[in-house]
């Protein structure tokens, strides 16, 4: 870990879903620690448990047993109000589908977390414009999402994630809806964010994206596994159709 202080600590965390009479162990005893200032990628295939893990890290979902400490706060059985407070104080989110409100301008979307925190309109506007300028979108502040490219929309989403100065940024497949050039731009921006001492947790199914983090945590069948082993399995699976075709 880059930082000496742990921001995220999970100990034997388990989460089970029921699909009819079938028990699905989404997380099956996950333990991990992420330090202050680390850029960590959580990698796994669809259904591996990585999305469930992200939802728990983001206080968007609870867990059955185990322990999750977020910046020293025990998150088990938090009230909805306290969860919302911690999310707003400590976390920023970047989603694959951007999750921008279509009727609002770029700066209004960026300012939303500040509104939830009770910041006045004038200060919200100032801080939102300042963040958009830092991310190279000053001239797009009054554009709505449908007037922006995919890469620009993701930059707006990143600006929204950063505007509250969170301890941790959680990015869920942030390049999944982008072309290759926009993906490279967004990853360069995320690397820059990580280099500035902020904790960044990126969830992805792609080994090439995960490789850009300082550390990879691999998840399979709800458990943390060896990252090199998982990457080798993915490579073999990708090459198998080519061998059949040849």
C-alpha atoms as a PDB file:
ATOM      1  CA  UNK A   1       0.000   0.000   0.000  1.00  0.00           C
ATOM      2  CA  UNK A   2       1.203   3.487  -0.828  1.00  0.00           C
ATOM      3  CA  UNK A   3      -0.323   5.124   2.231  1.00  0.00           C
ATOM      4  CA  UNK A   4       0.366   4.032   5.787  1.00  0.00           C
ATOM      5  CA  UNK A   5      -3.275   4.371   6.847  1.00  0.00           C
ATOM      6  CA  UNK A   6      -5.963   1.968   5.669  1.00  0.00           C
ATOM      7  CA  UNK A   7      -9.034   3.681   4.226  1.00  0.00           C
ATOM      8  CA  UNK A   8     -10.880   0.468   3.355  1.00  0.00           C
ATOM      9  CA  UNK A   9     -10.708  -2.700   5.465  1.00  0.00           C
ATOM     10  CA  UNK A  10     -12.844  -5.759   4.779  1.00  0.00           C
ATOM     11  CA  UNK A  11     -12.604  -8.838   6.985  1.00  0.00           C
ATOM     12  CA  UNK A  12     -14.378 -12.069   5.973  1.00  0.00           C
ATOM     13  CA  UNK A  13     -17.270 -10.196   4.335  1.00  0.00           C
ATOM     14  CA  UNK A  14     -20.070 -12.413   3.024  1.00  0.00           C
ATOM     15  CA  UNK A  15     -23.153 -11.588   0.983  1.00  0.00           C
ATOM     16  CA  UNK A  16     -25.778 -14.109  -0.130  1.00  0.00           C
ATOM     17  CA  UNK A  17     -28.682 -13.661  -2.519  1.00  0.00           C
ATOM     18  CA  UNK A  18     -31.570 -16.010  -3.088  1.00  0.00           C
ATOM     19  CA  UNK A  19     -32.917 -16.689  -6.575  1.00  0.00           C
ATOM     20  CA  UNK A  20     -36.031 -18.674  -5.813  1.00  0.00           C
ATOM     21  CA  UNK A  21     -34.755 -21.668  -3.828  1.00  0.00           C
ATOM     22  CA  UNK A  22     -31.179 -21.271  -5.067  1.00  0.00           C
ATOM     23  CA  UNK A  23     -28.576 -19.688  -2.772  1.00  0.00           C
ATOM     24  CA  UNK A  24     -26.063 -17.449  -4.585  1.00  0.00           C
ATOM     25  CA  UNK A  25     -22.929 -16.572  -2.641  1.00  0.00           C
ATOM     26  CA  UNK A  26     -22.110 -13.229  -4.213  1.00  0.00           C
ATOM     27  CA  UNK A  27     -19.255 -12.666  -1.749  1.00  0.00           C
ATOM     28  CA  UNK A  28     -17.802 -15.656   0.056  1.00  0.00           C
ATOM     29  CA  UNK A  29     -15.432 -14.441   2.755  1.00  0.00           C
ATOM     30  CA  UNK A  30     -13.692 -11.448   1.173  1.00  0.00           C
ATOM     31  CA  UNK A  31     -10.862  -9.836   3.133  1.00  0.00           C
ATOM     32  CA  UNK A  32      -8.840  -6.934   1.738  1.00  0.00           C
ATOM     33  CA  UNK A  33      -7.201  -3.677   2.746  1.00  0.00           C
ATOM     34  CA  UNK A  34      -6.751  -0.557   0.632  1.00  0.00           C
ATOM     35  CA  UNK A  35      -4.477   2.181   1.875  1.00  0.00           C
ATOM     36  CA  UNK A  36      -4.729   5.934   1.662  1.00  0.00           C
ATOM     37  CA  UNK A  37      -3.553   7.134  -1.750  1.00  0.00           C
ATOM     38  CA  UNK A  38      -3.633   3.739  -3.460  1.00  0.00           C
ATOM     39  CA  UNK A  39      -4.895   3.209  -7.015  1.00  0.00           C
ATOM     40  CA  UNK A  40      -6.393  -0.284  -6.946  1.00  0.00           C
ATOM     41  CA  UNK A  41      -8.218  -2.196  -9.666  1.00  0.00           C
ATOM     42  CA  UNK A  42     -10.754  -4.866  -8.753  1.00  0.00           C
ATOM     43  CA  UNK A  43     -10.869  -7.243 -11.703  1.00  0.00           C
ATOM     44  CA  UNK A  44     -13.238 -10.086 -12.470  1.00  0.00           C
ATOM     45  CA  UNK A  45     -15.562 -11.510 -15.083  1.00  0.00           C
ATOM     46  CA  UNK A  46     -19.298 -10.893 -15.167  1.00  0.00           C
ATOM     47  CA  UNK A  47     -20.867 -12.661 -12.185  1.00  0.00           C
ATOM     48  CA  UNK A  48     -17.592 -12.837 -10.247  1.00  0.00           C
ATOM     49  CA  UNK A  49     -18.873 -10.673  -7.394  1.00  0.00           C
ATOM     50  CA  UNK A  50     -16.981  -7.500  -8.231  1.00  0.00           C
ATOM     51  CA  UNK A  51     -20.156  -5.397  -8.667  1.00  0.00           C
ATOM     52  CA  UNK A  52     -21.520  -6.645  -5.350  1.00  0.00           C
ATOM     53  CA  UNK A  53     -18.193  -5.762  -3.760  1.00  0.00           C
ATOM     54  CA  UNK A  54     -18.281  -2.273  -5.265  1.00  0.00           C
ATOM     55  CA  UNK A  55     -21.833  -1.707  -3.997  1.00  0.00           C
ATOM     56  CA  UNK A  56     -20.749  -2.677  -0.490  1.00  0.00           C
ATOM     57  CA  UNK A  57     -17.643  -0.459  -0.672  1.00  0.00           C
ATOM     58  CA  UNK A  58     -19.885   2.401  -1.798  1.00  0.00           C
ATOM     59  CA  UNK A  59     -22.425   1.845   0.999  1.00  0.00           C
ATOM     60  CA  UNK A  60     -25.049   1.170  -1.656  1.00  0.00           C
ATOM     61  CA  UNK A  61     -25.699  -2.349  -0.348  1.00  0.00           C
ATOM     62  CA  UNK A  62     -25.304  -4.128   2.968  1.00  0.00           C
ATOM     63  CA  UNK A  63     -23.592  -7.412   3.775  1.00  0.00           C
ATOM     64  CA  UNK A  64     -24.553 -10.421   5.855  1.00  0.00           C
ATOM     65  CA  UNK A  65     -21.522 -11.091   8.021  1.00  0.00           C
ATOM     66  CA  UNK A  66     -17.974  -9.855   8.428  1.00  0.00           C
ATOM     67  CA  UNK A  67     -16.632  -6.363   8.976  1.00  0.00           C
ATOM     68  CA  UNK A  68     -16.147  -3.326   6.752  1.00  0.00           C
ATOM     69  CA  UNK A  69     -14.347  -0.280   8.085  1.00  0.00           C
ATOM     70  CA  UNK A  70     -14.445   2.864   5.925  1.00  0.00           C
ATOM     71  CA  UNK A  71     -11.959   5.474   7.134  1.00  0.00           C
ATOM     72  CA  UNK A  72     -12.219   3.851  10.559  1.00  0.00           C
ATOM     73  CA  UNK A  73     -16.039   3.803  10.685  1.00  0.00           C
ATOM     74  CA  UNK A  74     -17.745   0.435  11.142  1.00  0.00           C
ATOM     75  CA  UNK A  75     -20.348   0.254   8.377  1.00  0.00           C
ATOM     76  CA  UNK A  76     -22.384  -2.734   9.557  1.00  0.00           C
ATOM     77  CA  UNK A  77     -26.075  -1.991  10.160  1.00  0.00           C
ATOM     78  CA  UNK A  78     -25.802   1.712   9.415  1.00  0.00           C
ATOM     79  CA  UNK A  79     -29.042   3.638   9.150  1.00  0.00           C
ATOM     80  CA  UNK A  80     -29.959   4.891   5.677  1.00  0.00           C
ATOM     81  CA  UNK A  81     -29.342   8.452   6.845  1.00  0.00           C
ATOM     82  CA  UNK A  82     -25.887   7.697   8.230  1.00  0.00           C
ATOM     83  CA  UNK A  83     -24.956   5.742   5.090  1.00  0.00           C
ATOM     84  CA  UNK A  84     -25.968   8.719   2.964  1.00  0.00           C
ATOM     85  CA  UNK A  85     -23.892  11.043   5.150  1.00  0.00           C
ATOM     86  CA  UNK A  86     -20.775   8.886   4.848  1.00  0.00           C
ATOM     87  CA  UNK A  87     -21.239   8.504   1.090  1.00  0.00           C
ATOM     88  CA  UNK A  88     -21.459  12.255   0.663  1.00  0.00           C
ATOM     89  CA  UNK A  89     -18.535  12.997   2.986  1.00  0.00           C
ATOM     90  CA  UNK A  90     -16.082  10.290   1.951  1.00  0.00           C
ATOM     91  CA  UNK A  91     -16.966   8.854  -1.466  1.00  0.00           C
ATOM     92  CA  UNK A  92     -17.150   9.920  -5.090  1.00  0.00           C
ATOM     93  CA  UNK A  93     -18.670   7.708  -7.798  1.00  0.00           C
ATOM     94  CA  UNK A  94     -17.947   7.306 -11.521  1.00  0.00           C
ATOM     95  CA  UNK A  95     -20.274   4.993 -13.453  1.00  0.00           C
ATOM     96  CA  UNK A  96     -20.050   3.249 -16.816  1.00  0.00           C
ATOM     97  CA  UNK A  97     -23.363   4.791 -17.934  1.00  0.00           C
ATOM     98  CA  UNK A  98     -22.384   8.277 -16.612  1.00  0.00           C
ATOM     99  CA  UNK A  99     -25.714   8.710 -14.718  1.00  0.00           C
ATOM    100  CA  UNK A 100     -26.013  12.384 -15.652  1.00  0.00           C
ATOM    101  CA  UNK A 101     -29.408  14.056 -15.409  1.00  0.00           C
ATOM    102  CA  UNK A 102     -30.378  14.879 -19.015  1.00  0.00           C
ATOM    103  CA  UNK A 103     -32.344  18.030 -18.220  1.00  0.00           C
ATOM    104  CA  UNK A 104     -29.461  19.639 -16.310  1.00  0.00           C
ATOM    105  CA  UNK A 105     -26.351  21.325 -17.685  1.00  0.00           C
ATOM    106  CA  UNK A 106     -22.850  20.031 -17.077  1.00  0.00           C
ATOM    107  CA  UNK A 107     -22.215  22.383 -14.174  1.00  0.00           C
ATOM    108  CA  UNK A 108     -25.585  21.576 -12.610  1.00  0.00           C
ATOM    109  CA  UNK A 109     -24.786  17.860 -12.767  1.00  0.00           C
ATOM    110  CA  UNK A 110     -21.396  18.431 -11.176  1.00  0.00           C
ATOM    111  CA  UNK A 111     -22.982  20.531  -8.425  1.00  0.00           C
ATOM    112  CA  UNK A 112     -25.530  17.877  -7.386  1.00  0.00           C
ATOM    113  CA  UNK A 113     -23.456  16.328  -4.551  1.00  0.00           C
ATOM    114  CA  UNK A 114     -22.891  19.813  -3.147  1.00  0.00           C
ATOM    115  CA  UNK A 115     -26.633  20.404  -3.169  1.00  0.00           C
ATOM    116  CA  UNK A 116     -27.145  17.222  -1.150  1.00  0.00           C
ATOM    117  CA  UNK A 117     -24.508  18.497   1.295  1.00  0.00           C
ATOM    118  CA  UNK A 118     -26.425  21.732   1.813  1.00  0.00           C
ATOM    119  CA  UNK A 119     -23.971  24.053   0.022  1.00  0.00           C
ATOM    120  CA  UNK A 120     -25.554  27.317  -1.213  1.00  0.00           C
ATOM    121  CA  UNK A 121     -26.253  27.814  -4.920  1.00  0.00           C
ATOM    122  CA  UNK A 122     -23.608  30.498  -5.525  1.00  0.00           C
ATOM    123  CA  UNK A 123     -20.867  28.385  -3.924  1.00  0.00           C
ATOM    124  CA  UNK A 124     -22.098  25.244  -5.721  1.00  0.00           C
ATOM    125  CA  UNK A 125     -21.870  27.011  -9.051  1.00  0.00           C
ATOM    126  CA  UNK A 126     -18.401  28.390  -8.326  1.00  0.00           C
ATOM    127  CA  UNK A 127     -16.992  25.031  -7.281  1.00  0.00           C
ATOM    128  CA  UNK A 128     -18.641  23.171 -10.165  1.00  0.00           C
ATOM    129  CA  UNK A 129     -17.254  25.615 -12.752  1.00  0.00           C
ATOM    130  CA  UNK A 130     -13.833  25.429 -11.128  1.00  0.00           C
ATOM    131  CA  UNK A 131     -13.832  21.625 -11.303  1.00  0.00           C
ATOM    132  CA  UNK A 132     -14.953  21.610 -14.940  1.00  0.00           C
ATOM    133  CA  UNK A 133     -12.177  24.045 -15.788  1.00  0.00           C
ATOM    134  CA  UNK A 134      -9.622  21.758 -14.101  1.00  0.00           C
ATOM    135  CA  UNK A 135     -10.834  18.887 -16.291  1.00  0.00           C
ATOM    136  CA  UNK A 136     -10.725  20.908 -19.505  1.00  0.00           C
ATOM    137  CA  UNK A 137     -14.484  21.419 -19.846  1.00  0.00           C
ATOM    138  CA  UNK A 138     -14.882  25.110 -19.034  1.00  0.00           C
ATOM    139  CA  UNK A 139     -16.484  25.806 -22.429  1.00  0.00           C
ATOM    140  CA  UNK A 140     -18.973  22.964 -21.950  1.00  0.00           C
ATOM    141  CA  UNK A 141     -20.309  24.048 -18.550  1.00  0.00           C
ATOM    142  CA  UNK A 142     -23.702  25.129 -19.939  1.00  0.00           C
ATOM    143  CA  UNK A 143     -24.157  22.169 -22.290  1.00  0.00           C
ATOM    144  CA  UNK A 144     -26.556  19.352 -21.502  1.00  0.00           C
ATOM    145  CA  UNK A 145     -25.400  15.705 -21.665  1.00  0.00           C
ATOM    146  CA  UNK A 146     -26.896  15.100 -25.125  1.00  0.00           C
ATOM    147  CA  UNK A 147     -24.717  17.939 -26.433  1.00  0.00           C
ATOM    148  CA  UNK A 148     -21.509  16.257 -25.201  1.00  0.00           C
ATOM    149  CA  UNK A 149     -19.414  13.384 -26.529  1.00  0.00           C
ATOM    150  CA  UNK A 150     -19.084  10.184 -24.517  1.00  0.00           C
ATOM    151  CA  UNK A 151     -15.638  11.169 -23.303  1.00  0.00           C
ATOM    152  CA  UNK A 152     -16.875  14.615 -22.267  1.00  0.00           C
ATOM    153  CA  UNK A 153     -19.813  13.097 -20.388  1.00  0.00           C
ATOM    154  CA  UNK A 154     -17.451  10.820 -18.484  1.00  0.00           C
ATOM    155  CA  UNK A 155     -15.274  13.821 -17.621  1.00  0.00           C
ATOM    156  CA  UNK A 156     -18.364  15.572 -16.273  1.00  0.00           C
ATOM    157  CA  UNK A 157     -19.081  12.458 -14.201  1.00  0.00           C
ATOM    158  CA  UNK A 158     -15.511  12.495 -12.873  1.00  0.00           C
ATOM    159  CA  UNK A 159     -15.838  16.194 -12.038  1.00  0.00           C
ATOM    160  CA  UNK A 160     -19.024  15.385 -10.114  1.00  0.00           C
ATOM    161  CA  UNK A 161     -17.176  12.642  -8.228  1.00  0.00           C
ATOM    162  CA  UNK A 162     -14.355  15.022  -7.240  1.00  0.00           C
ATOM    163  CA  UNK A 163     -16.282  18.183  -6.418  1.00  0.00           C
ATOM    164  CA  UNK A 164     -16.833  17.214  -2.753  1.00  0.00           C
ATOM    165  CA  UNK A 165     -13.126  16.382  -2.312  1.00  0.00           C
ATOM    166  CA  UNK A 166     -13.803  12.754  -1.309  1.00  0.00           C
ATOM    167  CA  UNK A 167     -11.284  10.446   0.340  1.00  0.00           C
ATOM    168  CA  UNK A 168     -12.157   7.610  -2.042  1.00  0.00           C
ATOM    169  CA  UNK A 169     -13.260   7.587  -5.694  1.00  0.00           C
ATOM    170  CA  UNK A 170     -15.055   4.416  -6.844  1.00  0.00           C
ATOM    171  CA  UNK A 171     -15.098   3.939 -10.623  1.00  0.00           C
ATOM    172  CA  UNK A 172     -17.337   1.216 -12.081  1.00  0.00           C
ATOM    173  CA  UNK A 173     -16.192   0.194 -15.605  1.00  0.00           C
ATOM    174  CA  UNK A 174     -15.491   3.889 -16.390  1.00  0.00           C
ATOM    175  CA  UNK A 175     -14.346   3.176 -19.967  1.00  0.00           C
ATOM    176  CA  UNK A 176     -17.016   0.610 -20.799  1.00  0.00           C
ATOM    177  CA  UNK A 177     -19.127   2.933 -22.982  1.00  0.00           C
ATOM    178  CA  UNK A 178     -16.241   4.817 -24.620  1.00  0.00           C
ATOM    179  CA  UNK A 179     -14.281   4.456 -27.845  1.00  0.00           C
ATOM    180  CA  UNK A 180     -10.571   3.672 -27.612  1.00  0.00           C
ATOM    181  CA  UNK A 181      -9.364   7.296 -27.816  1.00  0.00           C
ATOM    182  CA  UNK A 182     -11.829   8.489 -25.161  1.00  0.00           C
ATOM    183  CA  UNK A 183     -10.954   5.474 -23.009  1.00  0.00           C
ATOM    184  CA  UNK A 184      -7.276   6.406 -23.097  1.00  0.00           C
ATOM    185  CA  UNK A 185      -8.093  10.005 -22.150  1.00  0.00           C
ATOM    186  CA  UNK A 186     -10.272   8.931 -19.221  1.00  0.00           C
ATOM    187  CA  UNK A 187      -7.691   6.446 -17.957  1.00  0.00           C
ATOM    188  CA  UNK A 188      -4.990   9.115 -18.170  1.00  0.00           C
ATOM    189  CA  UNK A 189      -7.204  11.383 -16.071  1.00  0.00           C
ATOM    190  CA  UNK A 190      -7.849   8.626 -13.513  1.00  0.00           C
ATOM    191  CA  UNK A 191      -4.122   7.901 -13.263  1.00  0.00           C
ATOM    192  CA  UNK A 192      -3.533  11.593 -12.639  1.00  0.00           C
ATOM    193  CA  UNK A 193      -6.178  11.579  -9.899  1.00  0.00           C
ATOM    194  CA  UNK A 194      -4.497   8.557  -8.336  1.00  0.00           C
ATOM    195  CA  UNK A 195      -1.084  10.215  -8.468  1.00  0.00           C
ATOM    196  CA  UNK A 196      -2.399  13.159  -6.433  1.00  0.00           C
ATOM    197  CA  UNK A 197      -2.794  11.086  -3.279  1.00  0.00           C
ATOM    198  CA  UNK A 198      -6.499  10.306  -3.509  1.00  0.00           C
ATOM    199  CA  UNK A 199      -7.602   6.688  -3.047  1.00  0.00           C
ATOM    200  CA  UNK A 200      -8.994   5.315  -6.313  1.00  0.00           C
ATOM    201  CA  UNK A 201     -10.770   1.972  -6.664  1.00  0.00           C
ATOM    202  CA  UNK A 202     -11.558   0.964 -10.229  1.00  0.00           C
ATOM    203  CA  UNK A 203     -13.755  -2.033 -11.057  1.00  0.00           C
ATOM    204  CA  UNK A 204     -13.200  -3.657 -14.450  1.00  0.00           C
ATOM    205  CA  UNK A 205     -13.385  -6.943 -16.333  1.00  0.00           C
ATOM    206  CA  UNK A 206     -10.515  -5.923 -18.642  1.00  0.00           C
ATOM    207  CA  UNK A 207      -6.946  -6.942 -17.816  1.00  0.00           C
ATOM    208  CA  UNK A 208      -5.428  -4.076 -19.855  1.00  0.00           C
ATOM    209  CA  UNK A 209      -7.415  -1.516 -17.848  1.00  0.00           C
ATOM    210  CA  UNK A 210      -6.603  -3.191 -14.530  1.00  0.00           C
ATOM    211  CA  UNK A 211      -2.895  -3.220 -15.422  1.00  0.00           C
ATOM    212  CA  UNK A 212      -2.821   0.584 -15.221  1.00  0.00           C
ATOM    213  CA  UNK A 213      -3.502   0.509 -11.479  1.00  0.00           C
ATOM    214  CA  UNK A 214      -0.742   0.193  -8.904  1.00  0.00           C
ATOM    215  CA  UNK A 215      -2.308  -3.006  -7.548  1.00  0.00           C
ATOM    216  CA  UNK A 216      -4.864  -5.519  -8.816  1.00  0.00           C
ATOM    217  CA  UNK A 217      -7.341  -7.388  -6.620  1.00  0.00           C
ATOM    218  CA  UNK A 218      -8.856 -10.273  -8.575  1.00  0.00           C
ATOM    219  CA  UNK A 219     -12.289 -11.698  -7.756  1.00  0.00           C
ATOM    220  CA  UNK A 220     -13.748 -15.009  -8.905  1.00  0.00           C
ATOM    221  CA  UNK A 221     -16.857 -16.768  -7.568  1.00  0.00           C
ATOM    222  CA  UNK A 222     -17.138 -14.245  -4.771  1.00  0.00           C
ATOM    223  CA  UNK A 223     -13.594 -14.760  -3.513  1.00  0.00           C
ATOM    224  CA  UNK A 224     -10.306 -12.910  -3.837  1.00  0.00           C
ATOM    225  CA  UNK A 225      -7.906 -14.964  -5.978  1.00  0.00           C
ATOM    226  CA  UNK A 226      -4.420 -14.582  -7.439  1.00  0.00           C
ATOM    227  CA  UNK A 227      -4.489 -11.777 -10.023  1.00  0.00           C
ATOM    228  CA  UNK A 228      -1.848 -13.317 -12.313  1.00  0.00           C
ATOM    229  CA  UNK A 229      -3.724 -16.615 -12.357  1.00  0.00           C
ATOM    230  CA  UNK A 230      -7.002 -14.901 -13.285  1.00  0.00           C
ATOM    231  CA  UNK A 231      -5.322 -12.853 -16.041  1.00  0.00           C
ATOM    232  CA  UNK A 232      -3.791 -16.014 -17.505  1.00  0.00           C
ATOM    233  CA  UNK A 233      -7.203 -17.707 -17.523  1.00  0.00           C
ATOM    234  CA  UNK A 234      -8.766 -14.726 -19.313  1.00  0.00           C
ATOM    235  CA  UNK A 235      -6.010 -14.718 -21.928  1.00  0.00           C
ATOM    236  CA  UNK A 236      -6.452 -18.440 -22.547  1.00  0.00           C
ATOM    237  CA  UNK A 237     -10.212 -18.027 -22.893  1.00  0.00           C
ATOM    238  CA  UNK A 238      -9.769 -15.215 -25.437  1.00  0.00           C
ATOM    239  CA  UNK A 239      -7.316 -17.270 -27.495  1.00  0.00           C
ATOM    240  CA  UNK A 240      -9.375 -20.474 -27.493  1.00  0.00           C
ATOM    241  CA  UNK A 241     -11.836 -19.418 -30.266  1.00  0.00           C
ATOM    242  CA  UNK A 242      -8.924 -18.395 -32.475  1.00  0.00           C
ATOM    243  CA  UNK A 243      -7.321 -21.822 -32.076  1.00  0.00           C
ATOM    244  CA  UNK A 244     -10.581 -23.521 -33.025  1.00  0.00           C
ATOM    245  CA  UNK A 245     -10.990 -21.267 -36.071  1.00  0.00           C
ATOM    246  CA  UNK A 246      -7.467 -22.002 -37.278  1.00  0.00           C
END
